[in-house]
């Protein structure tokens, strides 16, 4: 995602997301869930300490492909990057509600924990456009 892989002819998306002010990038296929802080070029750009997702200064990446698979769970290793805000290898699903042009709410539901909400966030973006 960051810079791509030229040998496989895969483009890098990060610079484009930043240039054009992408607020949220949703990813899947991994059988896990991870929410990142707003990040660009491996640097965290939170809106503020108390409200990191209010007027964030970089895209927010969420990987939410945590449905079951016959290969079993995709476990995380023991290292955590500083831009990783929350991660879980529980099977589950994501619910999203877009209230209007400035407010988006998301929550991650764990099937492994009987439908418990294991993560949630409200993204507030008062100004749209490039960072």
N, C-alpha and C. Protein backbone atom coordinates (compact mmCIF):
# COMPACT_ATOMS: atom_id res chain seq x y z
N UNK A 1 0.83 -1.20 0.00
CA UNK A 1 0.00 0.00 0.00
C UNK A 1 0.87 1.25 0.00
N UNK A 2 1.90 1.25 0.84
CA UNK A 2 2.70 2.46 0.96
C UNK A 2 3.31 2.89 -0.38
N UNK A 3 4.24 2.09 -0.87
CA UNK A 3 4.96 2.49 -2.08
C UNK A 3 4.79 1.50 -3.22
N UNK A 4 4.08 0.42 -2.99
CA UNK A 4 3.83 -0.56 -4.04
C UNK A 4 4.96 -1.55 -4.19
N UNK A 5 4.86 -2.35 -5.24
CA UNK A 5 5.87 -3.35 -5.55
C UNK A 5 6.06 -3.36 -7.06
N UNK A 6 7.03 -2.58 -7.57
CA UNK A 6 7.21 -2.47 -9.02
C UNK A 6 7.46 -3.80 -9.71
N UNK A 7 8.16 -4.73 -9.05
CA UNK A 7 8.45 -6.01 -9.71
C UNK A 7 7.17 -6.81 -9.98
N UNK A 8 6.13 -6.59 -9.17
CA UNK A 8 4.85 -7.25 -9.39
C UNK A 8 3.84 -6.34 -10.09
N UNK A 9 4.30 -5.16 -10.49
CA UNK A 9 3.46 -4.15 -11.13
C UNK A 9 2.28 -3.74 -10.25
N UNK A 10 2.54 -3.67 -8.94
CA UNK A 10 1.53 -3.21 -7.98
C UNK A 10 1.83 -1.76 -7.62
N UNK A 11 0.87 -0.87 -7.81
CA UNK A 11 1.12 0.55 -7.52
C UNK A 11 1.12 0.83 -6.02
N UNK A 12 1.77 1.91 -5.65
CA UNK A 12 1.69 2.40 -4.28
C UNK A 12 0.53 3.38 -4.17
N UNK A 13 -0.25 3.28 -3.11
CA UNK A 13 -1.45 4.10 -2.97
C UNK A 13 -1.30 5.22 -1.96
N UNK A 14 -0.38 5.11 -1.05
CA UNK A 14 -0.33 6.03 0.08
C UNK A 14 -0.21 7.49 -0.35
N UNK A 15 0.68 7.80 -1.26
CA UNK A 15 0.85 9.20 -1.70
C UNK A 15 -0.42 9.74 -2.34
N UNK A 16 -1.12 8.91 -3.12
CA UNK A 16 -2.37 9.36 -3.74
C UNK A 16 -3.46 9.60 -2.69
N UNK A 17 -3.57 8.69 -1.73
CA UNK A 17 -4.56 8.88 -0.66
C UNK A 17 -4.30 10.18 0.09
N UNK A 18 -3.05 10.46 0.37
CA UNK A 18 -2.68 11.68 1.10
C UNK A 18 -2.95 12.92 0.24
N UNK A 19 -2.51 12.87 -1.00
CA UNK A 19 -2.67 14.01 -1.91
C UNK A 19 -4.13 14.41 -2.10
N UNK A 20 -5.01 13.40 -2.21
CA UNK A 20 -6.41 13.68 -2.50
C UNK A 20 -7.31 13.64 -1.26
N UNK A 21 -6.72 13.57 -0.08
CA UNK A 21 -7.48 13.71 1.15
C UNK A 21 -8.41 12.56 1.47
N UNK A 22 -8.00 11.33 1.17
CA UNK A 22 -8.83 10.17 1.52
C UNK A 22 -8.94 10.09 3.04
N UNK A 23 -10.15 10.05 3.55
CA UNK A 23 -10.36 10.02 5.00
C UNK A 23 -10.17 8.62 5.58
N UNK A 24 -10.75 7.61 4.93
CA UNK A 24 -10.72 6.24 5.46
C UNK A 24 -10.43 5.28 4.30
N UNK A 25 -9.50 4.36 4.52
CA UNK A 25 -9.24 3.28 3.57
C UNK A 25 -9.61 1.97 4.24
N UNK A 26 -10.55 1.26 3.65
CA UNK A 26 -10.98 -0.04 4.19
C UNK A 26 -10.32 -1.15 3.38
N UNK A 27 -9.74 -2.09 4.09
CA UNK A 27 -9.04 -3.21 3.47
C UNK A 27 -9.64 -4.51 3.98
N UNK A 28 -9.40 -5.58 3.26
CA UNK A 28 -9.93 -6.88 3.67
C UNK A 28 -8.95 -7.97 3.28
N UNK A 29 -9.43 -9.16 3.19
CA UNK A 29 -8.75 -10.38 2.82
C UNK A 29 -7.97 -11.00 3.98
N UNK A 30 -7.28 -10.23 4.78
CA UNK A 30 -6.65 -10.79 5.97
C UNK A 30 -7.76 -11.27 6.90
N UNK A 31 -7.56 -12.37 7.57
CA UNK A 31 -8.59 -12.91 8.45
C UNK A 31 -8.36 -12.40 9.87
N UNK A 32 -8.39 -11.07 9.97
CA UNK A 32 -8.16 -10.38 11.23
C UNK A 32 -8.72 -8.97 11.10
N UNK A 33 -8.62 -8.22 12.20
CA UNK A 33 -9.10 -6.84 12.22
C UNK A 33 -7.98 -5.96 12.78
N UNK A 34 -7.74 -4.84 12.13
CA UNK A 34 -6.78 -3.88 12.66
C UNK A 34 -7.21 -2.47 12.28
N UNK A 35 -7.13 -1.57 13.27
CA UNK A 35 -7.42 -0.15 13.06
C UNK A 35 -6.13 0.62 13.30
N UNK A 36 -5.78 1.48 12.36
CA UNK A 36 -4.58 2.28 12.50
C UNK A 36 -4.93 3.70 12.93
N UNK A 37 -3.98 4.34 13.58
CA UNK A 37 -4.09 5.78 13.79
C UNK A 37 -3.99 6.43 12.41
N UNK A 38 -4.42 7.67 12.26
CA UNK A 38 -4.19 8.36 10.98
C UNK A 38 -2.68 8.34 10.69
N UNK A 39 -2.29 7.82 9.54
CA UNK A 39 -0.86 7.61 9.29
C UNK A 39 -0.51 7.95 7.85
N UNK A 40 0.66 8.55 7.70
CA UNK A 40 1.25 8.80 6.38
C UNK A 40 2.76 8.66 6.50
N UNK A 41 3.34 7.89 5.61
CA UNK A 41 4.79 7.68 5.58
C UNK A 41 5.32 7.21 6.94
N UNK A 42 4.57 6.30 7.55
CA UNK A 42 4.91 5.70 8.84
C UNK A 42 4.94 6.70 10.00
N UNK A 43 4.30 7.82 9.83
CA UNK A 43 4.20 8.84 10.87
C UNK A 43 2.73 9.01 11.25
N UNK A 44 2.44 9.03 12.53
CA UNK A 44 1.07 9.20 13.02
C UNK A 44 0.70 10.68 13.01
N UNK A 45 -0.47 10.99 12.47
CA UNK A 45 -0.97 12.37 12.39
C UNK A 45 -2.36 12.44 13.01
N UNK A 46 -2.46 12.24 14.30
CA UNK A 46 -3.75 12.31 14.98
C UNK A 46 -4.29 13.73 14.95
N UNK A 47 -5.63 13.84 15.01
CA UNK A 47 -6.25 15.15 15.09
C UNK A 47 -5.81 15.87 16.36
N UNK A 48 -5.89 15.17 17.50
CA UNK A 48 -5.40 15.67 18.79
C UNK A 48 -5.19 14.46 19.69
N UNK A 49 -4.58 14.67 20.84
CA UNK A 49 -4.33 13.56 21.76
C UNK A 49 -5.63 12.94 22.24
N UNK A 50 -6.59 13.78 22.63
CA UNK A 50 -7.86 13.28 23.17
C UNK A 50 -8.85 12.85 22.10
N UNK A 51 -8.75 13.41 20.91
CA UNK A 51 -9.67 13.08 19.82
C UNK A 51 -8.87 12.81 18.54
N UNK A 52 -8.21 11.66 18.48
CA UNK A 52 -7.31 11.39 17.35
C UNK A 52 -8.01 11.30 16.00
N UNK A 53 -9.30 11.00 15.99
CA UNK A 53 -10.02 10.83 14.73
C UNK A 53 -10.89 12.04 14.39
N UNK A 54 -10.70 13.14 15.07
CA UNK A 54 -11.38 14.38 14.74
C UNK A 54 -10.42 15.26 13.95
N UNK A 55 -10.79 15.55 12.72
CA UNK A 55 -9.95 16.33 11.80
C UNK A 55 -8.53 15.79 11.74
N UNK A 56 -8.43 14.48 11.56
CA UNK A 56 -7.13 13.82 11.44
C UNK A 56 -6.38 14.40 10.24
N UNK A 57 -5.08 14.32 10.31
CA UNK A 57 -4.22 14.94 9.29
C UNK A 57 -3.66 13.93 8.30
N UNK A 58 -4.22 12.71 8.28
CA UNK A 58 -3.79 11.67 7.35
C UNK A 58 -4.89 10.62 7.27
N UNK A 59 -4.84 9.76 6.26
CA UNK A 59 -5.86 8.71 6.13
C UNK A 59 -5.84 7.73 7.30
N UNK A 60 -7.01 7.18 7.59
CA UNK A 60 -7.19 6.15 8.61
C UNK A 60 -7.37 4.83 7.86
N UNK A 61 -6.56 3.84 8.19
CA UNK A 61 -6.65 2.54 7.52
C UNK A 61 -7.27 1.52 8.47
N UNK A 62 -8.23 0.77 7.96
CA UNK A 62 -8.88 -0.28 8.74
C UNK A 62 -8.92 -1.55 7.89
N UNK A 63 -8.36 -2.63 8.43
CA UNK A 63 -8.43 -3.94 7.80
C UNK A 63 -9.52 -4.71 8.51
N UNK A 64 -10.55 -5.10 7.78
CA UNK A 64 -11.69 -5.76 8.38
C UNK A 64 -12.15 -6.91 7.51
N UNK A 65 -11.35 -7.95 7.52
CA UNK A 65 -11.69 -9.14 6.76
C UNK A 65 -11.72 -10.34 7.67
N UNK A 66 -12.34 -10.18 8.83
CA UNK A 66 -12.18 -11.17 9.90
C UNK A 66 -13.27 -12.23 9.95
N UNK A 67 -13.82 -12.54 8.81
CA UNK A 67 -14.76 -13.67 8.79
C UNK A 67 -13.98 -14.97 8.92
N UNK A 68 -14.66 -16.04 9.23
CA UNK A 68 -13.98 -17.32 9.39
C UNK A 68 -13.39 -17.84 8.09
N UNK A 69 -12.41 -18.68 8.22
CA UNK A 69 -11.84 -19.34 7.05
C UNK A 69 -11.35 -20.72 7.46
N UNK A 70 -11.26 -21.62 6.50
CA UNK A 70 -10.89 -22.99 6.83
C UNK A 70 -9.44 -23.12 7.26
N UNK A 71 -8.62 -22.10 6.98
CA UNK A 71 -7.23 -22.12 7.43
C UNK A 71 -7.09 -21.69 8.88
N UNK A 72 -8.18 -21.27 9.50
CA UNK A 72 -8.22 -20.84 10.90
C UNK A 72 -7.79 -19.39 11.05
N UNK A 73 -7.56 -18.96 12.27
CA UNK A 73 -7.24 -17.56 12.56
C UNK A 73 -5.90 -17.15 11.96
N UNK A 74 -5.79 -15.87 11.55
CA UNK A 74 -4.52 -15.27 11.18
C UNK A 74 -4.02 -14.52 12.41
N UNK A 75 -3.12 -15.12 13.14
CA UNK A 75 -2.63 -14.51 14.37
C UNK A 75 -1.60 -13.43 14.08
N UNK A 76 -1.61 -12.39 14.90
CA UNK A 76 -0.60 -11.35 14.82
C UNK A 76 0.66 -11.83 15.51
N UNK A 77 1.81 -11.30 15.09
CA UNK A 77 3.03 -11.61 15.83
C UNK A 77 3.08 -10.70 17.07
N UNK A 78 4.13 -10.78 17.83
CA UNK A 78 4.21 -10.04 19.09
C UNK A 78 4.65 -8.59 18.93
N UNK A 79 5.01 -8.17 17.74
CA UNK A 79 5.43 -6.79 17.54
C UNK A 79 4.22 -5.92 17.21
N UNK A 80 4.26 -4.70 17.66
CA UNK A 80 3.19 -3.75 17.37
C UNK A 80 3.82 -2.48 16.82
N UNK A 81 3.36 -2.04 15.66
CA UNK A 81 3.86 -0.80 15.09
C UNK A 81 3.22 0.38 15.80
N UNK A 82 3.91 1.52 15.88
CA UNK A 82 3.35 2.68 16.60
C UNK A 82 2.09 3.25 15.96
N UNK A 83 1.82 2.92 14.71
CA UNK A 83 0.61 3.42 14.05
C UNK A 83 -0.58 2.47 14.22
N UNK A 84 -0.37 1.34 14.87
CA UNK A 84 -1.46 0.38 15.11
C UNK A 84 -2.20 0.77 16.39
N UNK A 85 -3.48 1.11 16.25
CA UNK A 85 -4.28 1.55 17.40
C UNK A 85 -4.96 0.38 18.10
N UNK A 86 -5.45 -0.59 17.32
CA UNK A 86 -6.15 -1.75 17.89
C UNK A 86 -6.11 -2.87 16.87
N UNK A 87 -5.95 -4.10 17.38
CA UNK A 87 -6.00 -5.24 16.48
C UNK A 87 -6.52 -6.47 17.21
N UNK A 88 -7.17 -7.34 16.44
CA UNK A 88 -7.75 -8.55 17.01
C UNK A 88 -7.77 -9.64 15.94
N UNK A 89 -7.51 -10.86 16.37
CA UNK A 89 -7.63 -11.98 15.44
C UNK A 89 -8.94 -12.75 15.63
N UNK A 90 -9.88 -12.17 16.40
CA UNK A 90 -11.21 -12.76 16.55
C UNK A 90 -11.93 -12.78 15.20
N UNK A 91 -12.73 -13.82 14.97
CA UNK A 91 -13.65 -13.77 13.85
C UNK A 91 -14.74 -12.75 14.20
N UNK A 92 -15.20 -12.02 13.20
CA UNK A 92 -16.23 -11.02 13.47
C UNK A 92 -16.58 -10.24 12.22
N UNK A 93 -17.18 -9.09 12.44
CA UNK A 93 -17.60 -8.24 11.32
C UNK A 93 -17.64 -6.80 11.79
N UNK A 94 -17.68 -5.89 10.81
CA UNK A 94 -17.67 -4.45 11.08
C UNK A 94 -19.03 -3.86 10.71
N UNK A 95 -19.52 -2.99 11.57
CA UNK A 95 -20.73 -2.20 11.26
C UNK A 95 -20.30 -0.75 11.09
N UNK A 96 -20.90 -0.10 10.10
CA UNK A 96 -20.57 1.29 9.84
C UNK A 96 -21.85 2.08 9.64
N UNK A 97 -21.87 3.29 10.21
CA UNK A 97 -23.00 4.19 9.99
C UNK A 97 -22.45 5.55 9.61
N UNK A 98 -22.87 6.02 8.45
CA UNK A 98 -22.49 7.36 7.99
C UNK A 98 -23.64 8.28 8.34
N UNK A 99 -23.40 9.19 9.26
CA UNK A 99 -24.45 10.10 9.72
C UNK A 99 -24.69 11.23 8.73
N UNK A 100 -23.61 11.80 8.24
CA UNK A 100 -23.70 12.93 7.32
C UNK A 100 -22.32 13.12 6.68
N UNK A 101 -22.06 14.26 6.10
CA UNK A 101 -20.79 14.47 5.41
C UNK A 101 -19.61 14.67 6.36
N UNK A 102 -19.86 14.75 7.65
CA UNK A 102 -18.77 14.98 8.60
C UNK A 102 -18.58 13.87 9.63
N UNK A 103 -19.58 13.03 9.86
CA UNK A 103 -19.52 12.03 10.93
C UNK A 103 -19.74 10.61 10.41
N UNK A 104 -18.81 9.72 10.77
CA UNK A 104 -18.88 8.31 10.42
C UNK A 104 -18.54 7.50 11.66
N UNK A 105 -19.39 6.54 11.99
CA UNK A 105 -19.20 5.69 13.17
C UNK A 105 -18.95 4.26 12.71
N UNK A 106 -17.98 3.60 13.33
CA UNK A 106 -17.69 2.21 13.02
C UNK A 106 -17.50 1.43 14.32
N UNK A 107 -17.90 0.15 14.28
CA UNK A 107 -17.63 -0.73 15.41
C UNK A 107 -17.31 -2.12 14.90
N UNK A 108 -16.43 -2.80 15.63
CA UNK A 108 -16.06 -4.17 15.30
C UNK A 108 -16.74 -5.11 16.28
N UNK A 109 -17.45 -6.09 15.75
CA UNK A 109 -18.20 -7.06 16.55
C UNK A 109 -17.45 -8.39 16.50
N UNK A 110 -17.25 -8.99 17.66
CA UNK A 110 -16.54 -10.27 17.75
C UNK A 110 -17.53 -11.43 17.82
N UNK A 111 -17.45 -12.34 16.86
CA UNK A 111 -18.23 -13.58 16.95
C UNK A 111 -17.65 -14.48 18.04
N UNK A 112 -16.33 -14.46 18.19
CA UNK A 112 -15.67 -15.29 19.20
C UNK A 112 -16.08 -14.91 20.61
N UNK A 113 -16.50 -13.66 20.81
CA UNK A 113 -16.91 -13.18 22.13
C UNK A 113 -18.42 -12.97 22.20
N UNK A 114 -19.17 -13.76 21.45
CA UNK A 114 -20.63 -13.75 21.54
C UNK A 114 -21.30 -12.47 21.08
N UNK A 115 -20.72 -11.77 20.12
CA UNK A 115 -21.34 -10.54 19.61
C UNK A 115 -20.93 -9.28 20.34
N UNK A 116 -19.91 -9.37 21.19
CA UNK A 116 -19.44 -8.18 21.92
C UNK A 116 -18.77 -7.21 20.96
N UNK A 117 -18.98 -5.92 21.22
CA UNK A 117 -18.28 -4.88 20.46
C UNK A 117 -16.89 -4.75 21.07
N UNK A 118 -15.86 -5.05 20.27
CA UNK A 118 -14.50 -5.02 20.79
C UNK A 118 -13.74 -3.77 20.39
N UNK A 119 -14.27 -3.00 19.45
CA UNK A 119 -13.61 -1.76 19.04
C UNK A 119 -14.67 -0.85 18.44
N UNK A 120 -14.49 0.44 18.65
CA UNK A 120 -15.40 1.41 18.03
C UNK A 120 -14.68 2.73 17.88
N UNK A 121 -15.14 3.51 16.91
CA UNK A 121 -14.57 4.83 16.71
C UNK A 121 -15.56 5.71 15.97
N UNK A 122 -15.45 6.99 16.22
CA UNK A 122 -16.21 8.01 15.51
C UNK A 122 -15.19 8.87 14.77
N UNK A 123 -15.36 8.94 13.47
CA UNK A 123 -14.49 9.79 12.66
C UNK A 123 -15.26 11.07 12.36
N UNK A 124 -14.66 12.19 12.70
CA UNK A 124 -15.28 13.49 12.45
C UNK A 124 -14.33 14.28 11.56
N UNK A 125 -14.83 14.71 10.44
CA UNK A 125 -14.00 15.44 9.47
C UNK A 125 -14.75 16.70 9.07
N UNK A 126 -14.39 17.82 9.67
CA UNK A 126 -15.07 19.08 9.40
C UNK A 126 -14.64 19.73 8.09
N UNK A 127 -13.45 19.39 7.62
CA UNK A 127 -12.92 19.96 6.38
C UNK A 127 -12.43 18.81 5.50
N UNK A 128 -12.82 18.84 4.24
CA UNK A 128 -12.41 17.79 3.31
C UNK A 128 -11.47 18.37 2.26
N UNK A 129 -10.60 17.53 1.76
CA UNK A 129 -9.64 17.96 0.74
C UNK A 129 -8.28 17.40 1.07
N UNK A 130 -7.29 17.80 0.31
CA UNK A 130 -5.95 17.25 0.50
C UNK A 130 -5.39 17.65 1.86
N UNK A 131 -4.45 16.84 2.31
CA UNK A 131 -3.82 17.12 3.60
C UNK A 131 -2.71 18.12 3.41
